[in-house]
Amino acid sequence: MLYPRRILKEIEPWIDSKEIIVVTGMRRTGKTTLLKMIYDKVDSTNKVMLDMENIIEQRVFDEVDFNNVWLNLASFGIDKKKKAYIFIDEIQAAPEVVKVVKYLYDHYDVKFFLTGSSSFYFKNMFPESLAGRKVVFELFPLSFDEFLTFKELDISFPEDFERKESTKTIVLYEKVKKYYEEYLMYGGFPQVVLADDIRRKESHIKDIFSSYFEKDVRSLADFRSMKVFRELMFLILQRVGSKLNITRLSSELGVTRETVYSYLSFLEGTYFLFMVPPYSGNVDREVSGAKKIYVCDTGILNLFGRVGEGRLLENAVYLNLRKYGKLCYYQKRRGGEVDFVLPEAGIAFEVKSRGIRADYDRLRKLAKGMGIDRYFVVSKDYVDEKGIIPACAI
């Protein structure tokens, strides 16, 4: 059974536009499945799906004269006299195909849908000549509401934060409590979520981590020491929710600060980690300062980082808040920190395993000092207090 992803609704309005649709993200996030869903929504018989990891299907585009590609596509039932819809999966396996895509896009009535496994690679693979020709969508592991869909539970939470707080009930919380515990422990990669026992889940997580390192890091990166890079990955997992200290990391690893920066840039570009900057009152300006770090999935964090529940929770809240917009954190010069701020929405959040009234009062004071008048404590446990939202509802 195919389960819908949140991003599908964002892509649907672009299905009949001229622009090339690009879906990118980490491996195993469900890009191929999403592509099949989009394929089924295209109301045309003049369409084809090709997998660039299949050497035979790569040859469809292997022509000196790009016009001859249509002859190869004809064997798949594609008529170049009508609008054609061409779906290309795993295009990073055949980067030279991008030149063909650009040519056909510029000269024929054809709509392309592409997937690839790394934004880092895509930024280098797609030339500037495709500027204005493509729309990029990023696919991540499941958010918790998607997780519930994959568990075939017809449960949803309001999008508005005030309604999340005002409509919370202990009955609904108890219904999803065990599922949120599973989400924290094993994360949101679809294959892991659908596995029916702990051994399989852990085996899939290990395989995903290994696949990322072997296929993305080794194949895309040109780093002198993979051992040092791997060590940095484990150090990062242990520092989730903390501010990055580049000098300390370079000292621990025995490499230069520039090397650490290049490693972090690669990890961020390939969706393994995310860096959250300090809050600025100006939404168009990012202030300087150490960034806080979070990783792509709580399952990977739990299995390889061996962190406590508090950090797992904060990472999970980050992954679910990020769908609402860019996130920052706030810290006064002397103490006083706010875990997350949505600058464009003007909302501040504090994450607690069990929020209490004092947490809300403290957050209110800090938020007012920032000029923010919307603020919520996000609590793993259910608390029947104003201004406290269950983490499962985020």
Protein backbone atom coordinates (compact mmCIF):
# COMPACT_ATOMS: atom_id res chain seq x y z
CA MET A 1 0.00 0.00 0.00
CA LEU A 2 1.20 3.49 -0.86
CA TYR A 3 0.80 6.12 1.85
CA PRO A 4 0.53 9.83 0.91
CA ARG A 5 3.25 12.26 1.90
CA ARG A 6 2.65 15.83 3.00
CA ILE A 7 4.83 17.18 0.20
CA LEU A 8 2.56 15.67 -2.48
CA LYS A 9 0.02 18.47 -2.01
CA GLU A 10 2.80 21.02 -2.55
CA ILE A 11 3.85 19.36 -5.80
CA GLU A 12 0.37 18.83 -7.29
CA PRO A 13 -0.13 22.46 -8.46
CA TRP A 14 3.10 22.15 -10.46
CA ILE A 15 2.24 18.94 -12.30
CA ASP A 16 1.01 20.66 -15.47
CA SER A 17 3.42 23.58 -15.40
CA LYS A 18 6.37 23.80 -17.76
CA GLU A 19 9.06 23.74 -15.06
CA ILE A 20 11.15 20.67 -14.32
CA ILE A 21 10.15 19.16 -10.97
CA VAL A 22 13.12 17.98 -8.90
CA VAL A 23 12.63 15.88 -5.75
CA THR A 24 15.76 15.50 -3.66
CA GLY A 25 16.65 14.29 -0.17
CA MET A 26 18.44 11.56 1.73
CA ARG A 27 18.38 7.97 0.56
CA ARG A 28 15.46 5.84 1.79
CA THR A 29 13.13 8.78 2.40
CA GLY A 30 10.67 7.53 -0.22
CA LYS A 31 11.52 9.58 -3.32
CA THR A 32 10.84 6.71 -5.75
CA THR A 33 7.49 5.96 -4.12
CA LEU A 34 6.58 9.66 -4.26
CA LEU A 35 7.53 9.75 -7.95
CA LYS A 36 5.17 6.84 -8.60
CA MET A 37 2.37 8.70 -6.82
CA ILE A 38 2.95 11.77 -9.01
CA TYR A 39 3.08 9.53 -12.08
CA ASP A 40 -0.36 8.12 -11.22
CA LYS A 41 -1.76 11.65 -10.89
CA VAL A 42 -0.69 12.69 -14.38
CA ASP A 43 -3.80 12.49 -16.56
CA SER A 44 -2.07 11.32 -19.71
CA THR A 45 -1.05 8.08 -21.39
CA ASN A 46 1.94 9.82 -22.97
CA LYS A 47 4.19 9.26 -19.97
CA VAL A 48 7.08 7.03 -18.95
CA MET A 49 9.14 6.32 -15.83
CA LEU A 50 12.83 5.53 -16.20
CA ASP A 51 15.33 4.43 -13.56
CA MET A 52 18.88 5.67 -14.11
CA GLU A 53 20.26 2.90 -11.91
CA ASN A 54 19.13 0.59 -14.70
CA ILE A 55 21.92 0.61 -17.31
CA ILE A 56 19.51 -0.32 -20.11
CA GLU A 57 17.27 2.64 -19.35
CA GLN A 58 20.29 4.96 -19.16
CA ARG A 59 20.88 4.16 -22.84
CA VAL A 60 17.62 5.90 -23.77
CA PHE A 61 19.50 9.19 -23.41
CA ASP A 62 22.82 7.99 -24.84
CA GLU A 63 22.68 9.84 -28.17
CA VAL A 64 25.11 12.30 -29.76
CA ASP A 65 22.16 14.05 -31.42
CA PHE A 66 19.70 14.66 -28.56
CA ASN A 67 16.80 14.78 -31.03
CA ASN A 68 17.27 11.03 -31.53
CA VAL A 69 16.28 10.40 -27.91
CA TRP A 70 12.68 10.58 -29.11
CA LEU A 71 13.27 7.46 -31.23
CA ASN A 72 14.32 5.60 -28.09
CA LEU A 73 11.37 6.94 -26.11
CA ALA A 74 9.01 5.77 -28.86
CA SER A 75 9.73 2.18 -27.78
CA PHE A 76 8.08 3.13 -24.46
CA GLY A 77 5.00 4.45 -26.28
CA ILE A 78 5.99 8.13 -26.12
CA ASP A 79 4.72 10.37 -28.93
CA LYS A 80 6.79 13.55 -29.31
CA LYS A 81 3.92 15.24 -31.18
CA LYS A 82 1.93 15.37 -27.93
CA LYS A 83 2.94 16.74 -24.55
CA ALA A 84 5.17 14.11 -22.95
CA TYR A 85 5.69 13.47 -19.25
CA ILE A 86 9.07 11.92 -18.52
CA PHE A 87 9.91 10.69 -15.02
CA ILE A 88 13.59 10.04 -14.30
CA ASP A 89 14.46 8.35 -11.01
CA GLU A 90 17.93 8.46 -9.37
CA ILE A 91 19.37 10.86 -11.93
CA GLN A 92 22.61 11.14 -9.93
CA ALA A 93 23.47 7.70 -11.37
CA ALA A 94 23.70 9.27 -14.85
CA PRO A 95 24.54 12.99 -14.43
CA GLU A 96 25.19 13.45 -18.15
CA VAL A 97 21.44 13.04 -18.71
CA VAL A 98 20.97 16.58 -17.34
CA LYS A 99 22.25 18.00 -20.65
CA VAL A 100 19.63 16.01 -22.53
CA VAL A 101 16.90 17.15 -20.14
CA LYS A 102 17.83 20.79 -20.71
CA TYR A 103 17.85 20.39 -24.51
CA LEU A 104 14.51 18.60 -24.70
CA TYR A 105 12.97 21.06 -22.24
CA ASP A 106 14.06 24.01 -24.40
CA HIS A 107 12.95 22.54 -27.76
CA TYR A 108 9.89 20.36 -27.13
CA ASP A 109 6.64 20.21 -25.19
CA VAL A 110 7.88 17.91 -22.47
CA LYS A 111 7.49 17.86 -18.69
CA PHE A 112 10.28 16.32 -16.59
CA PHE A 113 10.09 14.93 -13.07
CA LEU A 114 13.47 14.04 -11.55
CA THR A 115 14.67 12.51 -8.28
CA GLY A 116 18.15 12.43 -6.81
CA SER A 117 19.64 11.55 -3.46
CA SER A 118 21.71 14.58 -2.49
CA SER A 119 21.27 18.34 -2.58
CA PHE A 120 25.06 18.70 -2.33
CA TYR A 121 25.43 16.79 -5.59
CA PHE A 122 22.44 18.44 -7.22
CA LYS A 123 23.82 21.91 -6.59
CA ASN A 124 26.91 20.94 -8.55
CA MET A 125 25.17 18.74 -11.09
CA PHE A 126 22.56 21.20 -12.27
CA PRO A 127 24.26 23.98 -14.26
CA GLU A 128 23.26 27.61 -14.01
CA SER A 129 21.67 27.18 -17.43
CA LEU A 130 18.78 25.40 -15.69
CA ALA A 131 18.08 28.46 -13.56
CA GLY A 132 14.42 29.35 -13.96
CA ARG A 133 13.65 25.96 -15.46
CA LYS A 134 13.28 23.87 -12.30
CA VAL A 135 11.38 23.77 -9.02
CA VAL A 136 13.08 21.82 -6.22
CA PHE A 137 11.23 19.93 -3.49
CA GLU A 138 13.02 18.34 -0.54
CA LEU A 139 11.78 15.06 0.93
CA PHE A 140 12.66 14.19 4.52
CA PRO A 141 11.93 11.23 6.80
CA LEU A 142 8.34 11.13 8.05
CA SER A 143 6.96 13.83 10.32
CA PHE A 144 4.91 12.44 13.18
CA ASP A 145 1.58 13.10 11.46
CA GLU A 146 2.88 11.16 8.43
CA PHE A 147 4.10 8.44 10.81
CA LEU A 148 0.53 8.03 12.09
CA THR A 149 -0.72 7.76 8.50
CA PHE A 150 1.79 4.96 7.86
CA LYS A 151 0.42 3.26 10.98
CA GLU A 152 -3.04 3.58 9.37
CA LEU A 153 -4.37 5.77 12.17
CA ASP A 154 -6.94 8.37 11.17
CA ILE A 155 -5.66 10.98 13.59
CA SER A 156 -4.66 14.52 12.72
CA PHE A 157 -3.73 17.68 14.61
CA PRO A 158 -4.58 21.32 13.76
CA GLU A 159 -1.99 23.34 11.85
CA ASP A 160 -2.54 26.43 14.00
CA PHE A 161 -0.56 26.37 17.26
CA GLU A 162 -3.27 28.08 19.30
CA ARG A 163 -5.69 25.36 18.21
CA LYS A 164 -3.13 22.65 18.97
CA GLU A 165 -3.14 23.95 22.53
CA SER A 166 -6.88 24.62 22.90
CA THR A 167 -8.05 21.30 21.39
CA LYS A 168 -5.63 18.99 23.24
CA THR A 169 -7.24 16.17 25.24
CA ILE A 170 -5.86 13.43 27.46
CA VAL A 171 -7.89 10.89 25.47
CA LEU A 172 -6.20 11.78 22.17
CA TYR A 173 -2.81 11.95 23.87
CA GLU A 174 -3.19 8.42 25.29
CA LYS A 175 -4.15 7.12 21.85
CA VAL A 176 -0.89 8.28 20.28
CA LYS A 177 1.45 8.10 23.27
CA LYS A 178 2.97 4.69 22.45
CA TYR A 179 3.37 5.68 18.80
CA TYR A 180 5.28 8.83 19.74
CA GLU A 181 7.58 6.73 21.93
CA GLU A 182 8.27 4.51 18.91
CA TYR A 183 8.84 7.59 16.74
CA LEU A 184 11.42 8.93 19.20
CA MET A 185 13.26 5.61 19.43
CA TYR A 186 13.24 4.50 15.78
CA GLY A 187 12.58 7.63 13.74
CA GLY A 188 10.74 8.27 10.51
CA PHE A 189 12.42 6.49 7.61
CA PRO A 190 9.46 4.76 5.87
CA GLN A 191 11.14 1.35 5.72
CA VAL A 192 11.84 1.49 9.46
CA VAL A 193 8.33 2.66 10.33
CA LEU A 194 6.76 -0.20 8.39
CA ALA A 195 9.02 -2.88 9.91
CA ASP A 196 7.06 -5.03 12.34
CA ASP A 197 9.65 -5.76 15.04
CA ILE A 198 12.55 -4.08 16.82
CA ARG A 199 15.29 -6.22 15.25
CA ARG A 200 14.14 -5.33 11.75
CA LYS A 201 13.86 -1.66 12.64
CA GLU A 202 17.39 -1.54 14.04
CA SER A 203 18.72 -3.52 11.09
CA HIS A 204 17.16 -1.05 8.63
CA ILE A 205 18.55 1.94 10.55
CA LYS A 206 22.05 0.44 10.49
CA ASP A 207 21.70 -0.24 6.77
CA ILE A 208 20.51 3.33 6.07
CA PHE A 209 23.45 4.77 8.01
CA SER A 210 25.91 2.46 6.25
CA SER A 211 24.36 3.20 2.85
CA TYR A 212 24.66 6.95 3.44
CA PHE A 213 28.33 6.64 4.35
CA GLU A 214 29.25 4.23 1.56
CA LYS A 215 27.16 5.62 -1.30
CA ASP A 216 26.92 9.33 -0.56
CA VAL A 217 30.05 10.13 1.42
CA ARG A 218 32.51 7.85 -0.40
CA SER A 219 31.09 8.47 -3.88
CA LEU A 220 30.46 12.22 -3.65
CA ALA A 221 33.11 13.52 -1.28
CA ASP A 222 36.80 13.91 -1.93
CA PHE A 223 38.04 13.84 1.64
CA ARG A 224 41.54 12.69 2.52
CA SER A 225 40.56 10.83 5.66
CA MET A 226 37.24 9.00 5.75
CA LYS A 227 38.12 7.82 9.25
CA VAL A 228 38.25 11.40 10.55
CA PHE A 229 35.03 12.25 8.70
CA ARG A 230 33.27 9.27 10.26
CA GLU A 231 34.55 10.27 13.70
CA LEU A 232 33.09 13.75 13.19
CA MET A 233 29.70 12.18 12.39
CA PHE A 234 29.69 10.39 15.75
CA LEU A 235 30.83 13.53 17.60
CA ILE A 236 27.99 15.45 15.96
CA LEU A 237 25.44 12.84 17.08
CA GLN A 238 26.61 13.25 20.67
CA ARG A 239 26.28 17.05 20.47
CA VAL A 240 22.71 17.30 19.17
CA GLY A 241 20.93 20.33 20.60
CA SER A 242 24.24 21.97 21.51
CA LYS A 243 26.04 24.92 19.97
CA LEU A 244 28.88 24.02 17.65
CA ASN A 245 32.37 24.74 18.89
CA ILE A 246 34.48 24.48 15.75
CA THR A 247 37.76 25.04 17.58
CA ARG A 248 37.07 22.18 20.00
CA LEU A 249 35.99 19.85 17.19
CA SER A 250 39.14 20.60 15.17
CA SER A 251 41.25 19.93 18.27
CA GLU A 252 39.53 16.62 19.04
CA LEU A 253 39.82 15.45 15.44
CA GLY A 254 43.34 16.79 14.87
CA VAL A 255 42.38 18.70 11.71
CA THR A 256 42.09 22.38 10.78
CA ARG A 257 38.98 24.47 11.35
CA GLU A 258 38.64 24.78 7.57
CA THR A 259 38.50 20.98 7.29
CA VAL A 260 35.77 20.80 9.94
CA TYR A 261 33.79 23.46 8.09
CA SER A 262 34.05 21.52 4.82
CA TYR A 263 32.88 18.31 6.52
CA LEU A 264 29.93 20.09 8.13
CA SER A 265 29.00 21.70 4.83
CA PHE A 266 28.90 18.29 3.18
CA LEU A 267 26.82 16.76 6.00
CA GLU A 268 24.36 19.61 5.77
CA GLY A 269 24.25 19.52 1.98
CA THR A 270 23.43 15.81 1.99
CA TYR A 271 20.67 16.24 4.61
CA PHE A 272 22.44 14.38 7.42
CA LEU A 273 22.44 17.37 9.72
CA PHE A 274 20.80 20.77 10.10
CA MET A 275 22.29 23.88 11.64
CA VAL A 276 20.10 26.38 13.49
CA PRO A 277 21.36 29.98 13.74
CA PRO A 278 20.83 32.46 16.59
CA TYR A 279 17.70 34.59 16.44
CA SER A 280 17.73 38.06 14.97
CA GLY A 281 14.84 40.48 15.34
CA ASN A 282 15.24 41.20 11.63
CA VAL A 283 13.85 38.20 9.68
CA ASP A 284 15.95 39.16 6.64
CA ARG A 285 19.25 39.20 8.54
CA GLU A 286 21.07 36.30 10.16
CA VAL A 287 23.21 37.29 13.13
CA SER A 288 26.66 35.83 13.64
CA GLY A 289 27.22 33.31 16.37
CA ALA A 290 27.54 29.61 17.02
CA LYS A 291 24.84 27.45 15.46
CA LYS A 292 22.99 24.63 17.18
CA ILE A 293 22.96 21.28 15.48
CA TYR A 294 20.32 18.62 14.84
CA VAL A 295 20.33 15.44 12.76
CA CYS A 296 18.05 13.96 10.14
CA ASP A 297 16.35 11.24 12.16
CA THR A 298 15.82 10.26 15.80
CA GLY A 299 16.29 6.57 14.96
CA ILE A 300 19.84 7.23 13.77
CA LEU A 301 20.42 9.55 16.73
CA ASN A 302 19.17 6.97 19.23
CA LEU A 303 21.06 4.01 17.79
CA PHE A 304 24.38 5.69 17.07
CA GLY A 305 24.40 8.75 19.34
CA ARG A 306 23.28 7.03 22.52
CA VAL A 307 21.83 10.30 23.81
CA GLY A 308 19.22 10.73 26.53
CA GLU A 309 15.49 11.21 26.10
CA GLY A 310 15.75 14.99 26.40
CA ARG A 311 17.94 15.31 23.32
CA LEU A 312 15.89 12.80 21.36
CA LEU A 313 12.80 14.85 22.15
CA GLU A 314 14.40 18.17 21.20
CA ASN A 315 15.62 16.71 17.91
CA ALA A 316 12.16 15.28 17.14
CA VAL A 317 10.49 18.61 17.90
CA TYR A 318 12.98 20.35 15.61
CA LEU A 319 12.26 17.93 12.75
CA ASN A 320 8.53 18.52 13.09
CA LEU A 321 8.70 22.29 13.59
CA ARG A 322 10.89 22.86 10.54
CA LYS A 323 7.94 22.22 8.21
CA TYR A 324 6.43 25.50 9.44
CA GLY A 325 9.40 27.61 8.34
CA LYS A 326 12.97 28.60 9.10
CA LEU A 327 13.97 28.02 12.73
CA CYS A 328 16.34 29.90 15.04
CA TYR A 329 17.25 29.71 18.70
CA TYR A 330 17.67 32.56 21.17
CA GLN A 331 20.09 33.08 24.01
CA LYS A 332 20.67 36.19 26.11
CA ARG A 333 24.23 37.27 26.82
CA ARG A 334 23.85 35.99 30.36
CA GLY A 335 21.69 32.87 30.54
CA GLY A 336 18.11 32.73 29.37
CA GLU A 337 17.71 30.49 26.31
CA VAL A 338 14.75 29.71 24.07
CA ASP A 339 15.00 26.40 22.19
CA PHE A 340 13.27 27.44 18.96
CA VAL A 341 11.90 30.56 17.30
CA LEU A 342 9.87 30.74 14.08
CA PRO A 343 10.88 34.30 13.09
CA GLU A 344 8.41 34.77 10.23
CA ALA A 345 5.47 33.56 12.33
CA GLY A 346 6.73 35.28 15.47
CA ILE A 347 6.44 32.25 17.75
CA ALA A 348 8.83 31.00 20.47
CA PHE A 349 9.01 27.42 21.78
CA GLU A 350 10.59 25.74 24.78
CA VAL A 351 10.90 21.92 24.82
CA LYS A 352 10.44 19.95 28.04
CA SER A 353 9.91 16.32 28.93
CA ARG A 354 7.19 17.51 31.28
CA GLY A 355 6.36 21.17 31.02
CA ILE A 356 5.06 23.05 34.03
CA ARG A 357 3.56 26.47 34.61
CA ALA A 358 6.92 27.91 35.69
CA ASP A 359 8.38 26.94 32.28
CA TYR A 360 5.58 28.81 30.53
CA ASP A 361 6.05 31.91 32.71
CA ARG A 362 9.80 31.90 32.08
CA LEU A 363 9.27 31.52 28.31
CA ARG A 364 6.73 34.35 28.29
CA LYS A 365 9.25 36.68 29.91
CA LEU A 366 12.00 35.79 27.43
CA ALA A 367 9.64 36.01 24.45
CA LYS A 368 8.37 39.43 25.48
CA GLY A 369 11.99 40.56 25.73
CA MET A 370 12.44 39.51 22.09
CA GLY A 371 9.29 41.34 21.04
CA ILE A 372 7.44 38.05 20.44
CA ASP A 373 3.90 37.68 21.76
CA ARG A 374 3.18 34.04 20.77
CA TYR A 375 4.92 31.34 22.78
CA PHE A 376 4.37 27.72 23.74
CA VAL A 377 6.00 25.09 25.89
CA VAL A 378 6.22 21.79 24.00
CA SER A 379 5.89 18.90 26.45
CA LYS A 380 6.40 15.19 25.86
CA ASP A 381 4.03 14.39 28.73
CA TYR A 382 0.46 15.62 28.71
CA VAL A 383 -0.02 18.69 30.90
CA ASP A 384 -3.41 20.36 31.32
CA GLU A 385 -2.06 23.90 31.49
CA LYS A 386 -2.55 26.88 29.24
CA GLY A 387 0.23 27.46 26.70
CA ILE A 388 1.57 23.90 26.85
CA ILE A 389 1.31 21.76 23.68
CA PRO A 390 1.89 17.99 23.59
CA ALA A 391 4.98 17.23 21.48
CA CYS A 392 2.97 14.66 19.51
CA ALA A 393 0.73 17.48 18.22
CA ILE A 394 3.58 19.48 16.64
